[in-house]
């Protein structure tokens, strides 16, 4: 999970394997078999992969929510991490 337990992500790159683009979308989801109540996971996505990641989760019947990702991290930290948290 990005952002730690219960924490919202503040910066990061796309969660699609091999993608190094900056995140512009936040995908909140949960697996009802293992995540109860409000507990869930967050993936980040670039414009190119938001549809792929959402469809991947929806095809498994996981509840999914997609909203714009609000980057609140420091630009110097982002550059040194290659755009990833």
PDB file of N, CA and C in Angstrom:
ATOM      1  N   UNK A   1       0.851  -1.173   0.000  1.00  0.00           N
ATOM      2  CA  UNK A   1       0.000   0.000   0.000  1.00  0.00           C
ATOM      3  C   UNK A   1       0.891   1.228   0.000  1.00  0.00           C
ATOM      4  N   UNK A   2       0.551   2.189  -0.789  1.00  0.00           N
ATOM      5  CA  UNK A   2       1.301   3.429  -0.868  1.00  0.00           C
ATOM      6  C   UNK A   2       0.820   4.349   0.233  1.00  0.00           C
ATOM      7  N   UNK A   3       1.754   5.004   0.938  1.00  0.00           N
ATOM      8  CA  UNK A   3       1.381   5.943   1.979  1.00  0.00           C
ATOM      9  C   UNK A   3       1.373   5.340   3.375  1.00  0.00           C
ATOM     10  N   UNK A   4       1.646   4.060   3.507  1.00  0.00           N
ATOM     11  CA  UNK A   4       1.677   3.433   4.825  1.00  0.00           C
ATOM     12  C   UNK A   4       0.286   3.087   5.316  1.00  0.00           C
ATOM     13  N   UNK A   5       0.219   2.456   6.462  1.00  0.00           N
ATOM     14  CA  UNK A   5      -1.062   2.038   7.015  1.00  0.00           C
ATOM     15  C   UNK A   5      -1.941   3.237   7.332  1.00  0.00           C
ATOM     16  N   UNK A   6      -3.054   3.296   6.658  1.00  0.00           N
ATOM     17  CA  UNK A   6      -4.022   4.346   6.919  1.00  0.00           C
ATOM     18  C   UNK A   6      -3.635   5.709   6.412  1.00  0.00           C
ATOM     19  N   UNK A   7      -2.458   5.837   5.827  1.00  0.00           N
ATOM     20  CA  UNK A   7      -2.006   7.136   5.353  1.00  0.00           C
ATOM     21  C   UNK A   7      -2.257   7.314   3.870  1.00  0.00           C
ATOM     22  N   UNK A   8      -2.573   8.525   3.487  1.00  0.00           N
ATOM     23  CA  UNK A   8      -2.762   8.831   2.074  1.00  0.00           C
ATOM     24  C   UNK A   8      -1.403   9.119   1.452  1.00  0.00           C
ATOM     25  N   UNK A   9      -1.198   8.707   0.201  1.00  0.00           N
ATOM     26  CA  UNK A   9       0.078   8.993  -0.443  1.00  0.00           C
ATOM     27  C   UNK A   9       0.235  10.493  -0.676  1.00  0.00           C
ATOM     28  N   UNK A  10       1.454  10.994  -0.556  1.00  0.00           N
ATOM     29  CA  UNK A  10       1.716  12.408  -0.779  1.00  0.00           C
ATOM     30  C   UNK A  10       2.509  12.646  -2.052  1.00  0.00           C
ATOM     31  N   UNK A  11       3.147  11.607  -2.565  1.00  0.00           N
ATOM     32  CA  UNK A  11       3.913  11.702  -3.801  1.00  0.00           C
ATOM     33  C   UNK A  11       4.106  10.306  -4.355  1.00  0.00           C
ATOM     34  N   UNK A  12       4.506  10.202  -5.596  1.00  0.00           N
ATOM     35  CA  UNK A  12       4.789   8.883  -6.116  1.00  0.00           C
ATOM     36  C   UNK A  12       4.635   8.771  -7.613  1.00  0.00           C
ATOM     37  N   UNK A  13       4.997   7.596  -8.087  1.00  0.00           N
ATOM     38  CA  UNK A  13       4.910   7.284  -9.498  1.00  0.00           C
ATOM     39  C   UNK A  13       3.829   6.250  -9.737  1.00  0.00           C
ATOM     40  N   UNK A  14       3.592   5.988 -10.987  1.00  0.00           N
ATOM     41  CA  UNK A  14       2.577   5.023 -11.408  1.00  0.00           C
ATOM     42  C   UNK A  14       2.870   3.639 -10.831  1.00  0.00           C
ATOM     43  N   UNK A  15       1.827   2.948 -10.396  1.00  0.00           N
ATOM     44  CA  UNK A  15       1.959   1.615  -9.799  1.00  0.00           C
ATOM     45  C   UNK A  15       2.048   0.500 -10.837  1.00  0.00           C
ATOM     46  N   UNK A  16       1.841   0.801 -12.111  1.00  0.00           N
ATOM     47  CA  UNK A  16       1.955  -0.216 -13.167  1.00  0.00           C
ATOM     48  C   UNK A  16       3.406  -0.663 -13.259  1.00  0.00           C
ATOM     49  N   UNK A  17       3.616  -1.967 -13.252  1.00  0.00           N
ATOM     50  CA  UNK A  17       4.966  -2.526 -13.296  1.00  0.00           C
ATOM     51  C   UNK A  17       5.744  -1.956 -14.481  1.00  0.00           C
ATOM     52  N   UNK A  18       6.940  -1.468 -14.207  1.00  0.00           N
ATOM     53  CA  UNK A  18       7.830  -0.951 -15.236  1.00  0.00           C
ATOM     54  C   UNK A  18       7.586   0.481 -15.640  1.00  0.00           C
ATOM     55  N   UNK A  19       6.516   1.110 -15.170  1.00  0.00           N
ATOM     56  CA  UNK A  19       6.214   2.495 -15.538  1.00  0.00           C
ATOM     57  C   UNK A  19       6.942   3.450 -14.605  1.00  0.00           C
ATOM     58  N   UNK A  20       7.534   4.474 -15.164  1.00  0.00           N
ATOM     59  CA  UNK A  20       8.273   5.473 -14.381  1.00  0.00           C
ATOM     60  C   UNK A  20       7.631   6.863 -14.439  1.00  0.00           C
ATOM     61  N   UNK A  21       6.414   6.922 -14.975  1.00  0.00           N
ATOM     62  CA  UNK A  21       5.721   8.203 -15.088  1.00  0.00           C
ATOM     63  C   UNK A  21       5.194   8.669 -13.730  1.00  0.00           C
ATOM     64  N   UNK A  22       5.045   9.971 -13.591  1.00  0.00           N
ATOM     65  CA  UNK A  22       4.485  10.549 -12.368  1.00  0.00           C
ATOM     66  C   UNK A  22       3.002  10.206 -12.271  1.00  0.00           C
ATOM     67  N   UNK A  23       2.546  10.008 -11.068  1.00  0.00           N
ATOM     68  CA  UNK A  23       1.133   9.686 -10.837  1.00  0.00           C
ATOM     69  C   UNK A  23       0.278  10.937 -10.955  1.00  0.00           C
ATOM     70  N   UNK A  24      -0.877  10.785 -11.589  1.00  0.00           N
ATOM     71  CA  UNK A  24      -1.868  11.854 -11.661  1.00  0.00           C
ATOM     72  C   UNK A  24      -3.241  11.358 -11.202  1.00  0.00           C
ATOM     73  N   UNK A  25      -3.350  10.043 -10.939  1.00  0.00           N
ATOM     74  CA  UNK A  25      -4.594   9.443 -10.474  1.00  0.00           C
ATOM     75  C   UNK A  25      -4.337   8.596  -9.240  1.00  0.00           C
ATOM     76  N   UNK A  26      -5.316   8.580  -8.363  1.00  0.00           N
ATOM     77  CA  UNK A  26      -5.287   7.747  -7.154  1.00  0.00           C
ATOM     78  C   UNK A  26      -6.395   6.713  -7.286  1.00  0.00           C
ATOM     79  N   UNK A  27      -6.024   5.450  -7.145  1.00  0.00           N
ATOM     80  CA  UNK A  27      -6.986   4.351  -7.244  1.00  0.00           C
ATOM     81  C   UNK A  27      -7.095   3.694  -5.873  1.00  0.00           C
ATOM     82  N   UNK A  28      -8.232   3.881  -5.226  1.00  0.00           N
ATOM     83  CA  UNK A  28      -8.478   3.272  -3.915  1.00  0.00           C
ATOM     84  C   UNK A  28      -9.317   2.015  -4.141  1.00  0.00           C
ATOM     85  N   UNK A  29      -8.890   0.916  -3.564  1.00  0.00           N
ATOM     86  CA  UNK A  29      -9.584  -0.348  -3.776  1.00  0.00           C
ATOM     87  C   UNK A  29      -9.438  -1.236  -2.557  1.00  0.00           C
ATOM     88  N   UNK A  30     -10.245  -2.294  -2.547  1.00  0.00           N
ATOM     89  CA  UNK A  30     -10.118  -3.281  -1.479  1.00  0.00           C
ATOM     90  C   UNK A  30     -10.576  -4.637  -1.989  1.00  0.00           C
ATOM     91  N   UNK A  31     -10.004  -5.658  -1.398  1.00  0.00           N
ATOM     92  CA  UNK A  31     -10.397  -7.033  -1.660  1.00  0.00           C
ATOM     93  C   UNK A  31     -11.316  -7.439  -0.516  1.00  0.00           C
ATOM     94  N   UNK A  32     -12.624  -7.573  -0.758  1.00  0.00           N
ATOM     95  CA  UNK A  32     -13.561  -7.863   0.326  1.00  0.00           C
ATOM     96  C   UNK A  32     -13.253  -9.152   1.087  1.00  0.00           C
ATOM     97  N   UNK A  33     -12.522 -10.071   0.482  1.00  0.00           N
ATOM     98  CA  UNK A  33     -12.174 -11.311   1.179  1.00  0.00           C
ATOM     99  C   UNK A  33     -11.173 -11.084   2.304  1.00  0.00           C
ATOM    100  N   UNK A  34     -10.330 -10.072   2.169  1.00  0.00           N
ATOM    101  CA  UNK A  34      -9.298  -9.847   3.187  1.00  0.00           C
ATOM    102  C   UNK A  34      -9.331  -8.453   3.807  1.00  0.00           C
ATOM    103  N   UNK A  35      -9.986  -7.487   3.165  1.00  0.00           N
ATOM    104  CA  UNK A  35     -10.068  -6.128   3.698  1.00  0.00           C
ATOM    105  C   UNK A  35     -11.479  -5.886   4.221  1.00  0.00           C
ATOM    106  N   UNK A  36     -11.602  -5.677   5.503  1.00  0.00           N
ATOM    107  CA  UNK A  36     -12.912  -5.435   6.091  1.00  0.00           C
ATOM    108  C   UNK A  36     -13.143  -3.946   6.293  1.00  0.00           C
ATOM    109  N   UNK A  37     -14.396  -3.555   6.246  1.00  0.00           N
ATOM    110  CA  UNK A  37     -14.779  -2.172   6.528  1.00  0.00           C
ATOM    111  C   UNK A  37     -14.062  -1.149   5.677  1.00  0.00           C
ATOM    112  N   UNK A  38     -13.428  -0.211   6.340  1.00  0.00           N
ATOM    113  CA  UNK A  38     -12.765   0.893   5.658  1.00  0.00           C
ATOM    114  C   UNK A  38     -11.330   0.585   5.240  1.00  0.00           C
ATOM    115  N   UNK A  39     -10.826  -0.584   5.611  1.00  0.00           N
ATOM    116  CA  UNK A  39      -9.448  -0.929   5.258  1.00  0.00           C
ATOM    117  C   UNK A  39      -9.341  -1.225   3.769  1.00  0.00           C
ATOM    118  N   UNK A  40      -8.322  -0.696   3.135  1.00  0.00           N
ATOM    119  CA  UNK A  40      -8.148  -0.927   1.711  1.00  0.00           C
ATOM    120  C   UNK A  40      -6.742  -0.588   1.282  1.00  0.00           C
ATOM    121  N   UNK A  41      -6.551  -0.505  -0.015  1.00  0.00           N
ATOM    122  CA  UNK A  41      -5.250  -0.206  -0.584  1.00  0.00           C
ATOM    123  C   UNK A  41      -5.370   0.959  -1.552  1.00  0.00           C
ATOM    124  N   UNK A  42      -4.234   1.566  -1.835  1.00  0.00           N
ATOM    125  CA  UNK A  42      -4.165   2.663  -2.790  1.00  0.00           C
ATOM    126  C   UNK A  42      -3.054   2.397  -3.786  1.00  0.00           C
ATOM    127  N   UNK A  43      -3.399   2.521  -5.048  1.00  0.00           N
ATOM    128  CA  UNK A  43      -2.408   2.504  -6.120  1.00  0.00           C
ATOM    129  C   UNK A  43      -2.433   3.885  -6.753  1.00  0.00           C
ATOM    130  N   UNK A  44      -1.309   4.276  -7.320  1.00  0.00           N
ATOM    131  CA  UNK A  44      -1.229   5.520  -8.065  1.00  0.00           C
ATOM    132  C   UNK A  44      -1.063   5.179  -9.539  1.00  0.00           C
ATOM    133  N   UNK A  45      -1.544   6.067 -10.415  1.00  0.00           N
ATOM    134  CA  UNK A  45      -1.478   5.778 -11.847  1.00  0.00           C
ATOM    135  C   UNK A  45      -1.218   7.035 -12.663  1.00  0.00           C
ATOM    136  N   UNK A  46      -0.535   6.842 -13.773  1.00  0.00           N
ATOM    137  CA  UNK A  46      -0.365   7.904 -14.761  1.00  0.00           C
ATOM    138  C   UNK A  46      -1.594   7.876 -15.680  1.00  0.00           C
ATOM    139  N   UNK A  47      -1.702   8.855 -16.571  1.00  0.00           N
ATOM    140  CA  UNK A  47      -2.841   8.900 -17.501  1.00  0.00           C
ATOM    141  C   UNK A  47      -2.911   7.653 -18.374  1.00  0.00           C
ATOM    142  N   UNK A  48      -1.762   7.150 -18.801  1.00  0.00           N
ATOM    143  CA  UNK A  48      -1.742   5.995 -19.704  1.00  0.00           C
ATOM    144  C   UNK A  48      -2.257   4.716 -19.044  1.00  0.00           C
ATOM    145  N   UNK A  49      -1.998   4.533 -17.742  1.00  0.00           N
ATOM    146  CA  UNK A  49      -2.299   3.259 -17.098  1.00  0.00           C
ATOM    147  C   UNK A  49      -3.498   3.266 -16.147  1.00  0.00           C
ATOM    148  N   UNK A  50      -4.141   4.392 -15.939  1.00  0.00           N
ATOM    149  CA  UNK A  50      -5.262   4.428 -14.999  1.00  0.00           C
ATOM    150  C   UNK A  50      -6.378   3.479 -15.437  1.00  0.00           C
ATOM    151  N   UNK A  51      -6.694   3.447 -16.716  1.00  0.00           N
ATOM    152  CA  UNK A  51      -7.739   2.551 -17.211  1.00  0.00           C
ATOM    153  C   UNK A  51      -7.373   1.094 -17.049  1.00  0.00           C
ATOM    154  N   UNK A  52      -6.130   0.750 -17.380  1.00  0.00           N
ATOM    155  CA  UNK A  52      -5.667  -0.632 -17.239  1.00  0.00           C
ATOM    156  C   UNK A  52      -5.765  -1.106 -15.788  1.00  0.00           C
ATOM    157  N   UNK A  53      -5.267  -0.292 -14.854  1.00  0.00           N
ATOM    158  CA  UNK A  53      -5.273  -0.690 -13.438  1.00  0.00           C
ATOM    159  C   UNK A  53      -6.701  -0.783 -12.900  1.00  0.00           C
ATOM    160  N   UNK A  54      -7.550   0.181 -13.269  1.00  0.00           N
ATOM    161  CA  UNK A  54      -8.952   0.141 -12.823  1.00  0.00           C
ATOM    162  C   UNK A  54      -9.646  -1.114 -13.353  1.00  0.00           C
ATOM    163  N   UNK A  55      -9.474  -1.413 -14.641  1.00  0.00           N
ATOM    164  CA  UNK A  55     -10.099  -2.598 -15.229  1.00  0.00           C
ATOM    165  C   UNK A  55      -9.566  -3.895 -14.610  1.00  0.00           C
ATOM    166  N   UNK A  56      -8.278  -3.933 -14.294  1.00  0.00           N
ATOM    167  CA  UNK A  56      -7.672  -5.091 -13.639  1.00  0.00           C
ATOM    168  C   UNK A  56      -8.392  -5.387 -12.323  1.00  0.00           C
ATOM    169  N   UNK A  57      -8.625  -4.352 -11.532  1.00  0.00           N
ATOM    170  CA  UNK A  57      -9.284  -4.518 -10.233  1.00  0.00           C
ATOM    171  C   UNK A  57     -10.774  -4.814 -10.385  1.00  0.00           C
ATOM    172  N   UNK A  58     -11.441  -4.106 -11.293  1.00  0.00           N
ATOM    173  CA  UNK A  58     -12.877  -4.317 -11.493  1.00  0.00           C
ATOM    174  C   UNK A  58     -13.175  -5.710 -12.033  1.00  0.00           C
ATOM    175  N   UNK A  59     -12.270  -6.280 -12.833  1.00  0.00           N
ATOM    176  CA  UNK A  59     -12.486  -7.621 -13.375  1.00  0.00           C
ATOM    177  C   UNK A  59     -12.487  -8.676 -12.274  1.00  0.00           C
ATOM    178  N   UNK A  60     -11.946  -8.338 -11.123  1.00  0.00           N
ATOM    179  CA  UNK A  60     -11.929  -9.225  -9.963  1.00  0.00           C
ATOM    180  C   UNK A  60     -13.056  -8.889  -8.985  1.00  0.00           C
ATOM    181  N   UNK A  61     -13.947  -7.997  -9.405  1.00  0.00           N
ATOM    182  CA  UNK A  61     -15.104  -7.557  -8.605  1.00  0.00           C
ATOM    183  C   UNK A  61     -14.696  -6.852  -7.318  1.00  0.00           C
ATOM    184  N   UNK A  62     -13.549  -6.166  -7.329  1.00  0.00           N
ATOM    185  CA  UNK A  62     -13.129  -5.390  -6.172  1.00  0.00           C
ATOM    186  C   UNK A  62     -13.778  -4.006  -6.247  1.00  0.00           C
ATOM    187  N   UNK A  63     -14.257  -3.475  -5.121  1.00  0.00           N
ATOM    188  CA  UNK A  63     -14.735  -2.094  -5.106  1.00  0.00           C
ATOM    189  C   UNK A  63     -13.560  -1.156  -5.415  1.00  0.00           C
ATOM    190  N   UNK A  64     -13.768  -0.248  -6.359  1.00  0.00           N
ATOM    191  CA  UNK A  64     -12.708   0.632  -6.834  1.00  0.00           C
ATOM    192  C   UNK A  64     -13.209   2.068  -6.897  1.00  0.00           C
ATOM    193  N   UNK A  65     -12.373   3.002  -6.472  1.00  0.00           N
ATOM    194  CA  UNK A  65     -12.655   4.422  -6.620  1.00  0.00           C
ATOM    195  C   UNK A  65     -11.451   5.107  -7.232  1.00  0.00           C
ATOM    196  N   UNK A  66     -11.674   5.971  -8.213  1.00  0.00           N
ATOM    197  CA  UNK A  66     -10.585   6.678  -8.883  1.00  0.00           C
ATOM    198  C   UNK A  66     -10.824   8.176  -8.743  1.00  0.00           C
ATOM    199  N   UNK A  67      -9.818   8.882  -8.224  1.00  0.00           N
ATOM    200  CA  UNK A  67      -9.885  10.338  -8.094  1.00  0.00           C
ATOM    201  C   UNK A  67      -8.548  10.926  -8.532  1.00  0.00           C
ATOM    202  N   UNK A  68      -8.560  12.215  -8.824  1.00  0.00           N
ATOM    203  CA  UNK A  68      -7.315  12.892  -9.179  1.00  0.00           C
ATOM    204  C   UNK A  68      -6.355  12.829  -7.998  1.00  0.00           C
ATOM    205  N   UNK A  69      -5.086  12.614  -8.283  1.00  0.00           N
ATOM    206  CA  UNK A  69      -4.063  12.528  -7.246  1.00  0.00           C
ATOM    207  C   UNK A  69      -3.506  13.911  -6.965  1.00  0.00           C
ATOM    208  N   UNK A  70      -3.585  14.331  -5.740  1.00  0.00           N
ATOM    209  CA  UNK A  70      -3.062  15.621  -5.307  1.00  0.00           C
ATOM    210  C   UNK A  70      -1.659  15.446  -4.759  1.00  0.00           C
ATOM    211  N   UNK A  71      -0.670  15.822  -5.526  1.00  0.00           N
ATOM    212  CA  UNK A  71       0.734  15.704  -5.128  1.00  0.00           C
ATOM    213  C   UNK A  71       1.041  16.769  -4.083  1.00  0.00           C
ATOM    214  N   UNK A  72       1.502  16.360  -2.903  1.00  0.00           N
ATOM    215  CA  UNK A  72       1.839  17.320  -1.851  1.00  0.00           C
ATOM    216  C   UNK A  72       3.272  17.174  -1.376  1.00  0.00           C
ATOM    217  N   UNK A  73       4.082  16.360  -2.075  1.00  0.00           N
ATOM    218  CA  UNK A  73       5.472  16.134  -1.680  1.00  0.00           C
ATOM    219  C   UNK A  73       6.384  17.237  -2.151  1.00  0.00           C
ATOM    220  N   UNK A  74       7.641  17.169  -1.714  1.00  0.00           N
ATOM    221  CA  UNK A  74       8.676  18.130  -2.055  1.00  0.00           C
ATOM    222  C   UNK A  74       9.290  17.781  -3.408  1.00  0.00           C
ATOM    223  N   UNK A  75       9.457  18.750  -4.301  1.00  0.00           N
ATOM    224  CA  UNK A  75       9.984  18.509  -5.649  1.00  0.00           C
ATOM    225  C   UNK A  75      11.410  17.958  -5.607  1.00  0.00           C
ATOM    226  N   UNK A  76      12.245  18.383  -4.677  1.00  0.00           N
ATOM    227  CA  UNK A  76      13.613  17.895  -4.573  1.00  0.00           C
ATOM    228  C   UNK A  76      13.632  16.408  -4.210  1.00  0.00           C
ATOM    229  N   UNK A  77      12.728  16.013  -3.321  1.00  0.00           N
ATOM    230  CA  UNK A  77      12.618  14.604  -2.935  1.00  0.00           C
ATOM    231  C   UNK A  77      12.174  13.780  -4.126  1.00  0.00           C
ATOM    232  N   UNK A  78      11.216  14.286  -4.897  1.00  0.00           N
ATOM    233  CA  UNK A  78      10.722  13.579  -6.067  1.00  0.00           C
ATOM    234  C   UNK A  78      11.839  13.334  -7.071  1.00  0.00           C
ATOM    235  N   UNK A  79      12.646  14.339  -7.339  1.00  0.00           N
ATOM    236  CA  UNK A  79      13.702  14.216  -8.333  1.00  0.00           C
ATOM    237  C   UNK A  79      14.746  13.199  -7.893  1.00  0.00           C
ATOM    238  N   UNK A  80      15.085  13.204  -6.620  1.00  0.00           N
ATOM    239  CA  UNK A  80      16.100  12.267  -6.136  1.00  0.00           C
ATOM    240  C   UNK A  80      15.580  10.847  -6.087  1.00  0.00           C
ATOM    241  N   UNK A  81      14.275  10.664  -6.026  1.00  0.00           N
ATOM    242  CA  UNK A  81      13.681   9.330  -5.987  1.00  0.00           C
ATOM    243  C   UNK A  81      13.246   8.874  -7.369  1.00  0.00           C
ATOM    244  N   UNK A  82      13.610   9.624  -8.397  1.00  0.00           N
ATOM    245  CA  UNK A  82      13.204   9.259  -9.741  1.00  0.00           C
ATOM    246  C   UNK A  82      11.712   9.377  -9.967  1.00  0.00           C
ATOM    247  N   UNK A  83      11.066  10.298  -9.224  1.00  0.00           N
ATOM    248  CA  UNK A  83       9.633  10.486  -9.367  1.00  0.00           C
ATOM    249  C   UNK A  83       8.811   9.500  -8.568  1.00  0.00           C
ATOM    250  N   UNK A  84       9.438   8.675  -7.762  1.00  0.00           N
ATOM    251  CA  UNK A  84       8.728   7.665  -6.971  1.00  0.00           C
ATOM    252  C   UNK A  84       8.866   7.957  -5.486  1.00  0.00           C
ATOM    253  N   UNK A  85       7.858   7.530  -4.747  1.00  0.00           N
ATOM    254  CA  UNK A  85       7.872   7.696  -3.290  1.00  0.00           C
ATOM    255  C   UNK A  85       8.740   6.653  -2.655  1.00  0.00           C
TER     256      UNK A  85
END
